[in-house]
PDB file of N, CA and C in Angstrom:
ATOM      1  N   MET A   1     -74.938 193.768  84.417  1.00  0.00           N
ATOM      2  CA  MET A   1     -74.195 193.246  83.326  1.00  0.00           C
ATOM      3  C   MET A   1     -74.171 194.234  82.165  1.00  0.00           C
ATOM      4  N   ASN A   2     -75.283 194.912  81.908  1.00  0.00           N
ATOM      5  CA  ASN A   2     -75.338 195.800  80.822  1.00  0.00           C
ATOM      6  C   ASN A   2     -74.432 197.063  81.041  1.00  0.00           C
ATOM      7  N   GLU A   3     -74.390 197.496  82.216  1.00  0.00           N
ATOM      8  CA  GLU A   3     -73.533 198.686  82.647  1.00  0.00           C
ATOM      9  C   GLU A   3     -72.092 198.277  82.503  1.00  0.00           C
ATOM     10  N   ALA A   4     -71.761 197.158  82.944  1.00  0.00           N
ATOM     11  CA  ALA A   4     -70.327 196.702  82.869  1.00  0.00           C
ATOM     12  C   ALA A   4     -69.944 196.432  81.330  1.00  0.00           C
ATOM     13  N   LEU A   5     -70.940 195.875  80.519  1.00  0.00           N
ATOM     14  CA  LEU A   5     -70.598 195.671  79.134  1.00  0.00           C
ATOM     15  C   LEU A   5     -70.451 196.987  78.316  1.00  0.00           C
ATOM     16  N   SER A   6     -71.409 197.940  78.800  1.00  0.00           N
ATOM     17  CA  SER A   6     -71.201 199.345  78.117  1.00  0.00           C
ATOM     18  C   SER A   6     -69.888 199.973  78.380  1.00  0.00           C
ATOM     19  N   LYS A   7     -69.480 199.798  79.696  1.00  0.00           N
ATOM     20  CA  LYS A   7     -68.162 200.371  80.083  1.00  0.00           C
ATOM     21  C   LYS A   7     -66.916 199.704  79.357  1.00  0.00           C
ATOM     22  N   PHE A   8     -67.117 198.309  79.166  1.00  0.00           N
ATOM     23  CA  PHE A   8     -66.086 197.525  78.536  1.00  0.00           C
ATOM     24  C   PHE A   8     -66.051 197.929  76.981  1.00  0.00           C
ATOM     25  N   GLU A   9     -67.200 198.241  76.359  1.00  0.00           N
ATOM     26  CA  GLU A   9     -67.204 198.571  74.929  1.00  0.00           C
ATOM     27  C   GLU A   9     -66.667 199.956  74.756  1.00  0.00           C
ATOM     28  N   PHE A  10     -66.984 200.924  75.732  1.00  0.00           N
ATOM     29  CA  PHE A  10     -66.506 202.222  75.593  1.00  0.00           C
ATOM     30  C   PHE A  10     -65.021 202.279  75.785  1.00  0.00           C
ATOM     31  N   TRP A  11     -64.385 201.463  76.771  1.00  0.00           N
ATOM     32  CA  TRP A  11     -63.018 201.433  76.879  1.00  0.00           C
ATOM     33  C   TRP A  11     -62.293 200.785  75.685  1.00  0.00           C
ATOM     34  N   LEU A  12     -62.972 199.802  75.099  1.00  0.00           N
ATOM     35  CA  LEU A  12     -62.403 199.040  74.062  1.00  0.00           C
ATOM     36  C   LEU A  12     -62.440 199.968  72.786  1.00  0.00           C
ATOM     37  N   ASN A  13     -63.442 200.674  72.641  1.00  0.00           N
ATOM     38  CA  ASN A  13     -63.501 201.654  71.425  1.00  0.00           C
ATOM     39  C   ASN A  13     -62.542 202.785  71.681  1.00  0.00           C
ATOM     40  N   LYS A  14     -62.240 203.131  72.781  1.00  0.00           N
ATOM     41  CA  LYS A  14     -61.326 204.260  73.038  1.00  0.00           C
ATOM     42  C   LYS A  14     -59.783 203.796  72.927  1.00  0.00           C
ATOM     43  N   ASN A  15     -59.576 202.554  73.421  1.00  0.00           N
ATOM     44  CA  ASN A  15     -58.118 202.120  73.604  1.00  0.00           C
ATOM     45  C   ASN A  15     -57.737 201.115  72.648  1.00  0.00           C
ATOM     46  N   PHE A  16     -58.702 200.369  72.017  1.00  0.00           N
ATOM     47  CA  PHE A  16     -58.332 199.178  71.167  1.00  0.00           C
ATOM     48  C   PHE A  16     -59.275 199.144  70.068  1.00  0.00           C
ATOM     49  N   THR A  17     -59.504 200.231  69.299  1.00  0.00           N
ATOM     50  CA  THR A  17     -60.569 200.431  68.443  1.00  0.00           C
ATOM     51  C   THR A  17     -60.629 199.324  67.415  1.00  0.00           C
ATOM     52  N   GLU A  18     -59.551 198.881  66.876  1.00  0.00           N
ATOM     53  CA  GLU A  18     -59.790 197.647  65.961  1.00  0.00           C
ATOM     54  C   GLU A  18     -60.392 196.555  66.479  1.00  0.00           C
ATOM     55  N   ALA A  19     -60.055 196.180  67.782  1.00  0.00           N
ATOM     56  CA  ALA A  19     -60.800 195.121  68.471  1.00  0.00           C
ATOM     57  C   ALA A  19     -62.230 195.440  68.732  1.00  0.00           C
ATOM     58  N   PHE A  20     -62.619 196.569  68.989  1.00  0.00           N
ATOM     59  CA  PHE A  20     -63.955 197.028  69.161  1.00  0.00           C
ATOM     60  C   PHE A  20     -64.733 196.693  67.932  1.00  0.00           C
ATOM     61  N   HIS A  21     -64.168 197.012  66.721  1.00  0.00           N
ATOM     62  CA  HIS A  21     -64.817 196.753  65.504  1.00  0.00           C
ATOM     63  C   HIS A  21     -64.764 195.344  65.068  1.00  0.00           C
ATOM     64  N   ASP A  22     -63.982 194.517  65.703  1.00  0.00           N
ATOM     65  CA  ASP A  22     -63.884 193.016  65.406  1.00  0.00           C
ATOM     66  C   ASP A  22     -65.020 192.279  66.168  1.00  0.00           C
ATOM     67  N   LEU A  23     -65.680 192.960  67.073  1.00  0.00           N
ATOM     68  CA  LEU A  23     -66.784 192.148  67.733  1.00  0.00           C
ATOM     69  C   LEU A  23     -67.859 191.837  66.799  1.00  0.00           C
ATOM     70  N   ASN A  24     -68.451 190.731  66.898  1.00  0.00           N
ATOM     71  CA  ASN A  24     -69.514 190.177  65.957  1.00  0.00           C
ATOM     72  C   ASN A  24     -70.709 190.818  66.294  1.00  0.00           C
ATOM     73  N   LYS A  25     -71.770 190.623  65.488  1.00  0.00           N
ATOM     74  CA  LYS A  25     -73.208 191.188  65.777  1.00  0.00           C
ATOM     75  C   LYS A  25     -73.782 190.229  66.716  1.00  0.00           C
ATOM     76  N   PRO A  26     -74.920 190.508  67.252  1.00  0.00           N
ATOM     77  CA  PRO A  26     -75.633 189.654  68.250  1.00  0.00           C
ATOM     78  C   PRO A  26     -75.907 188.321  67.533  1.00  0.00           C
ATOM     79  N   ILE A  27     -76.297 187.453  68.497  1.00  0.00           N
ATOM     80  CA  ILE A  27     -76.781 186.066  68.063  1.00  0.00           C
ATOM     81  C   ILE A  27     -78.364 186.180  68.077  1.00  0.00           C
ATOM     82  N   SER A  28     -78.961 185.335  67.324  1.00  0.00           N
ATOM     83  CA  SER A  28     -80.422 185.485  67.131  1.00  0.00           C
ATOM     84  C   SER A  28     -81.069 184.738  68.433  1.00  0.00           C
ATOM     85  N   GLU A  29     -82.320 185.186  68.770  1.00  0.00           N
ATOM     86  CA  GLU A  29     -83.067 184.581  69.845  1.00  0.00           C
ATOM     87  C   GLU A  29     -83.313 183.098  69.545  1.00  0.00           C
ATOM     88  N   GLU A  30     -83.479 182.760  68.225  1.00  0.00           N
ATOM     89  CA  GLU A  30     -83.702 181.276  67.926  1.00  0.00           C
ATOM     90  C   GLU A  30     -82.372 180.478  68.258  1.00  0.00           C
ATOM     91  N   LYS A  31     -81.192 180.968  68.046  1.00  0.00           N
ATOM     92  CA  LYS A  31     -80.066 180.292  68.318  1.00  0.00           C
ATOM     93  C   LYS A  31     -79.791 180.176  69.913  1.00  0.00           C
ATOM     94  N   ILE A  32     -80.300 181.105  70.620  1.00  0.00           N
ATOM     95  CA  ILE A  32     -80.265 181.168  72.092  1.00  0.00           C
ATOM     96  C   ILE A  32     -81.177 180.048  72.595  1.00  0.00           C
ATOM     97  N   GLY A  33     -82.356 180.005  71.882  1.00  0.00           N
ATOM     98  CA  GLY A  33     -83.279 178.986  72.429  1.00  0.00           C
ATOM     99  C   GLY A  33     -82.827 177.586  71.967  1.00  0.00           C
ATOM    100  N   LEU A  34     -82.148 177.458  70.948  1.00  0.00           N
ATOM    101  CA  LEU A  34     -81.350 176.234  70.715  1.00  0.00           C
ATOM    102  C   LEU A  34     -80.342 175.730  71.746  1.00  0.00           C
ATOM    103  N   LEU A  35     -79.632 176.743  72.049  1.00  0.00           N
ATOM    104  CA  LEU A  35     -78.561 176.487  73.073  1.00  0.00           C
ATOM    105  C   LEU A  35     -79.242 176.073  74.321  1.00  0.00           C
ATOM    106  N   GLU A  36     -80.323 176.770  74.813  1.00  0.00           N
ATOM    107  CA  GLU A  36     -80.808 176.380  76.002  1.00  0.00           C
ATOM    108  C   GLU A  36     -81.559 174.982  75.983  1.00  0.00           C
ATOM    109  N   LYS A  37     -81.918 174.572  74.821  1.00  0.00           N
ATOM    110  CA  LYS A  37     -82.453 173.133  74.700  1.00  0.00           C
ATOM    111  C   LYS A  37     -81.345 172.100  74.577  1.00  0.00           C
ATOM    112  N   THR A  38     -80.193 172.540  74.102  1.00  0.00           N
ATOM    113  CA  THR A  38     -79.067 171.629  73.781  1.00  0.00           C
ATOM    114  C   THR A  38     -78.231 171.241  75.066  1.00  0.00           C
ATOM    115  N   ILE A  39     -77.968 172.082  75.853  1.00  0.00           N
ATOM    116  CA  ILE A  39     -77.138 171.837  77.022  1.00  0.00           C
ATOM    117  C   ILE A  39     -77.971 171.477  78.282  1.00  0.00           C
ATOM    118  N   PRO A  40     -77.346 170.698  79.183  1.00  0.00           N
ATOM    119  CA  PRO A  40     -78.200 170.146  80.233  1.00  0.00           C
ATOM    120  C   PRO A  40     -78.252 171.110  81.423  1.00  0.00           C
ATOM    121  N   ILE A  41     -77.708 172.310  81.393  1.00  0.00           N
ATOM    122  CA  ILE A  41     -77.869 173.312  82.408  1.00  0.00           C
ATOM    123  C   ILE A  41     -78.298 174.646  81.791  1.00  0.00           C
ATOM    124  N   LYS A  42     -78.898 175.504  82.624  1.00  0.00           N
ATOM    125  CA  LYS A  42     -79.232 176.773  82.111  1.00  0.00           C
ATOM    126  C   LYS A  42     -77.998 177.636  81.943  1.00  0.00           C
ATOM    127  N   PRO A  43     -77.835 178.297  80.730  1.00  0.00           N
ATOM    128  CA  PRO A  43     -76.697 179.056  80.512  1.00  0.00           C
ATOM    129  C   PRO A  43     -76.668 180.258  81.488  1.00  0.00           C
ATOM    130  N   PRO A  44     -75.438 180.751  81.909  1.00  0.00           N
ATOM    131  CA  PRO A  44     -75.389 181.916  82.733  1.00  0.00           C
ATOM    132  C   PRO A  44     -76.041 183.131  82.022  1.00  0.00           C
ATOM    133  N   LYS A  45     -76.717 183.889  82.829  1.00  0.00           N
ATOM    134  CA  LYS A  45     -77.470 185.093  82.375  1.00  0.00           C
ATOM    135  C   LYS A  45     -76.392 185.946  81.727  1.00  0.00           C
ATOM    136  N   ASN A  46     -75.248 186.211  82.308  1.00  0.00           N
ATOM    137  CA  ASN A  46     -74.279 187.134  81.781  1.00  0.00           C
ATOM    138  C   ASN A  46     -73.736 186.678  80.434  1.00  0.00           C
ATOM    139  N   LEU A  47     -73.683 185.299  80.227  1.00  0.00           N
ATOM    140  CA  LEU A  47     -73.300 184.853  78.821  1.00  0.00           C
ATOM    141  C   LEU A  47     -74.382 185.151  77.930  1.00  0.00           C
ATOM    142  N   ILE A  48     -75.605 184.936  78.139  1.00  0.00           N
ATOM    143  CA  ILE A  48     -76.743 185.259  77.358  1.00  0.00           C
ATOM    144  C   ILE A  48     -76.824 186.721  76.951  1.00  0.00           C
ATOM    145  N   ASN A  49     -76.584 187.614  78.032  1.00  0.00           N
ATOM    146  CA  ASN A  49     -76.644 189.070  77.825  1.00  0.00           C
ATOM    147  C   ASN A  49     -75.441 189.555  76.873  1.00  0.00           C
ATOM    148  N   PHE A  50     -74.365 188.827  77.052  1.00  0.00           N
ATOM    149  CA  PHE A  50     -73.196 189.265  76.132  1.00  0.00           C
ATOM    150  C   PHE A  50     -73.580 188.855  74.696  1.00  0.00           C
ATOM    151  N   ILE A  51     -73.842 187.631  74.516  1.00  0.00           N
ATOM    152  CA  ILE A  51     -74.040 187.127  73.053  1.00  0.00           C
ATOM    153  C   ILE A  51     -75.348 187.831  72.501  1.00  0.00           C
ATOM    154  N   LYS A  52     -76.204 188.493  73.285  1.00  0.00           N
ATOM    155  CA  LYS A  52     -77.312 189.175  72.684  1.00  0.00           C
ATOM    156  C   LYS A  52     -76.764 190.495  72.125  1.00  0.00           C
ATOM    157  N   LYS A  53     -75.613 190.941  72.425  1.00  0.00           N
ATOM    158  CA  LYS A  53     -74.856 192.143  71.892  1.00  0.00           C
ATOM    159  C   LYS A  53     -73.786 191.770  70.947  1.00  0.00           C
ATOM    160  N   HIS A  54     -72.977 190.748  71.361  1.00  0.00           N
ATOM    161  CA  HIS A  54     -71.871 190.447  70.508  1.00  0.00           C
ATOM    162  C   HIS A  54     -71.566 188.787  70.553  1.00  0.00           C
ATOM    163  N   ASN A  55     -71.749 188.208  69.381  1.00  0.00           N
ATOM    164  CA  ASN A  55     -71.447 186.845  69.337  1.00  0.00           C
ATOM    165  C   ASN A  55     -69.936 186.554  69.147  1.00  0.00           C
ATOM    166  N   GLY A  56     -69.217 186.783  70.079  1.00  0.00           N
ATOM    167  CA  GLY A  56     -67.698 186.673  69.949  1.00  0.00           C
ATOM    168  C   GLY A  56     -67.080 187.736  69.079  1.00  0.00           C
ATOM    169  N   GLN A  57     -65.925 187.283  68.530  1.00  0.00           N
ATOM    170  CA  GLN A  57     -65.289 188.413  67.626  1.00  0.00           C
ATOM    171  C   GLN A  57     -64.886 187.616  66.325  1.00  0.00           C
ATOM    172  N   LYS A  58     -64.609 188.330  65.323  1.00  0.00           N
ATOM    173  CA  LYS A  58     -64.181 187.921  64.010  1.00  0.00           C
ATOM    174  C   LYS A  58     -62.821 187.278  64.004  1.00  0.00           C
ATOM    175  N   GLY A  59     -62.046 187.768  64.858  1.00  0.00           N
ATOM    176  CA  GLY A  59     -60.594 187.341  64.902  1.00  0.00           C
ATOM    177  C   GLY A  59     -59.680 188.052  63.998  1.00  0.00           C
ATOM    178  N   ASP A  60     -60.091 189.150  63.426  1.00  0.00           N
ATOM    179  CA  ASP A  60     -59.170 190.015  62.489  1.00  0.00           C
ATOM    180  C   ASP A  60     -58.315 190.830  63.281  1.00  0.00           C
ATOM    181  N   SER A  61     -58.509 191.064  64.431  1.00  0.00           N
ATOM    182  CA  SER A  61     -57.723 192.059  65.253  1.00  0.00           C
ATOM    183  C   SER A  61     -57.025 191.160  66.314  1.00  0.00           C
ATOM    184  N   GLY A  62     -56.277 191.788  67.105  1.00  0.00           N
ATOM    185  CA  GLY A  62     -55.659 191.091  68.325  1.00  0.00           C
ATOM    186  C   GLY A  62     -56.685 190.561  69.257  1.00  0.00           C
ATOM    187  N   TRP A  63     -56.336 189.583  70.059  1.00  0.00           N
ATOM    188  CA  TRP A  63     -57.358 188.965  70.972  1.00  0.00           C
ATOM    189  C   TRP A  63     -57.628 190.053  72.051  1.00  0.00           C
ATOM    190  N   ILE A  64     -58.745 190.026  72.514  1.00  0.00           N
ATOM    191  CA  ILE A  64     -59.253 191.056  73.437  1.00  0.00           C
ATOM    192  C   ILE A  64     -58.831 190.877  74.930  1.00  0.00           C
ATOM    193  N   ILE A  65     -59.161 189.698  75.464  1.00  0.00           N
ATOM    194  CA  ILE A  65     -59.072 189.472  76.878  1.00  0.00           C
ATOM    195  C   ILE A  65     -57.865 188.420  77.267  1.00  0.00           C
ATOM    196  N   ASP A  66     -56.963 188.825  77.974  1.00  0.00           N
ATOM    197  CA  ASP A  66     -55.789 187.931  78.357  1.00  0.00           C
ATOM    198  C   ASP A  66     -55.287 186.928  77.162  1.00  0.00           C
ATOM    199  N   ASP A  67     -54.948 187.696  76.098  1.00  0.00           N
ATOM    200  CA  ASP A  67     -54.539 186.937  74.922  1.00  0.00           C
ATOM    201  C   ASP A  67     -55.409 185.756  74.467  1.00  0.00           C
ATOM    202  N   SER A  68     -56.736 186.048  74.626  1.00  0.00           N
ATOM    203  CA  SER A  68     -57.700 185.000  74.296  1.00  0.00           C
ATOM    204  C   SER A  68     -58.715 185.622  73.301  1.00  0.00           C
ATOM    205  N   GLU A  69     -59.123 184.956  72.278  1.00  0.00           N
ATOM    206  CA  GLU A  69     -60.212 185.467  71.387  1.00  0.00           C
ATOM    207  C   GLU A  69     -61.570 185.083  72.041  1.00  0.00           C
ATOM    208  N   LEU A  70     -62.474 186.011  71.740  1.00  0.00           N
ATOM    209  CA  LEU A  70     -63.863 185.846  72.220  1.00  0.00           C
ATOM    210  C   LEU A  70     -64.571 184.862  71.198  1.00  0.00           C
ATOM    211  N   LEU A  71     -64.950 183.711  71.555  1.00  0.00           N
ATOM    212  CA  LEU A  71     -65.372 182.700  70.683  1.00  0.00           C
ATOM    213  C   LEU A  71     -66.866 182.947  70.244  1.00  0.00           C
ATOM    214  N   LEU A  72     -67.097 182.498  69.035  1.00  0.00           N
ATOM    215  CA  LEU A  72     -68.613 182.419  68.608  1.00  0.00           C
ATOM    216  C   LEU A  72     -69.291 181.386  69.475  1.00  0.00           C
ATOM    217  N   LEU A  73     -70.607 181.575  69.735  1.00  0.00           N
ATOM    218  CA  LEU A  73     -71.296 180.415  70.445  1.00  0.00           C
ATOM    219  C   LEU A  73     -71.011 179.128  69.792  1.00  0.00           C
ATOM    220  N   SER A  74     -71.032 179.094  68.468  1.00  0.00           N
ATOM    221  CA  SER A  74     -70.789 177.705  67.699  1.00  0.00           C
ATOM    222  C   SER A  74     -69.497 177.137  67.959  1.00  0.00           C
ATOM    223  N   GLU A  75     -68.401 177.936  68.515  1.00  0.00           N
ATOM    224  CA  GLU A  75     -67.135 177.486  68.667  1.00  0.00           C
ATOM    225  C   GLU A  75     -66.896 176.960  70.136  1.00  0.00           C
ATOM    226  N   MET A  76     -67.856 177.255  70.948  1.00  0.00           N
ATOM    227  CA  MET A  76     -67.763 176.864  72.371  1.00  0.00           C
ATOM    228  C   MET A  76     -68.073 175.365  72.602  1.00  0.00           C
ATOM    229  N   ASN A  77     -67.277 174.687  73.410  1.00  0.00           N
ATOM    230  CA  ASN A  77     -67.677 173.354  73.777  1.00  0.00           C
ATOM    231  C   ASN A  77     -68.638 173.319  74.846  1.00  0.00           C
ATOM    232  N   TYR A  78     -69.749 172.780  74.486  1.00  0.00           N
ATOM    233  CA  TYR A  78     -70.884 172.718  75.487  1.00  0.00           C
ATOM    234  C   TYR A  78     -71.651 171.415  75.240  1.00  0.00           C
TER     235      TYR A  78
END
């Protein structure tokens, strides 16, 4: 996942710079722990790896994937 995420970030920075800079900062370990205690299933490792780098996007640029905004963890329905 880390290699794929690095490639995605590289591509985004090169081809859609404003969206790259629209990505949020990582989520805290404390909030990840709260997520793991809140939902009845173990969150997918790829989701955890992603939000450890980028907790969604600010929404100031165009949407990044298939005309969809990357949501903050707090905006996801779980």
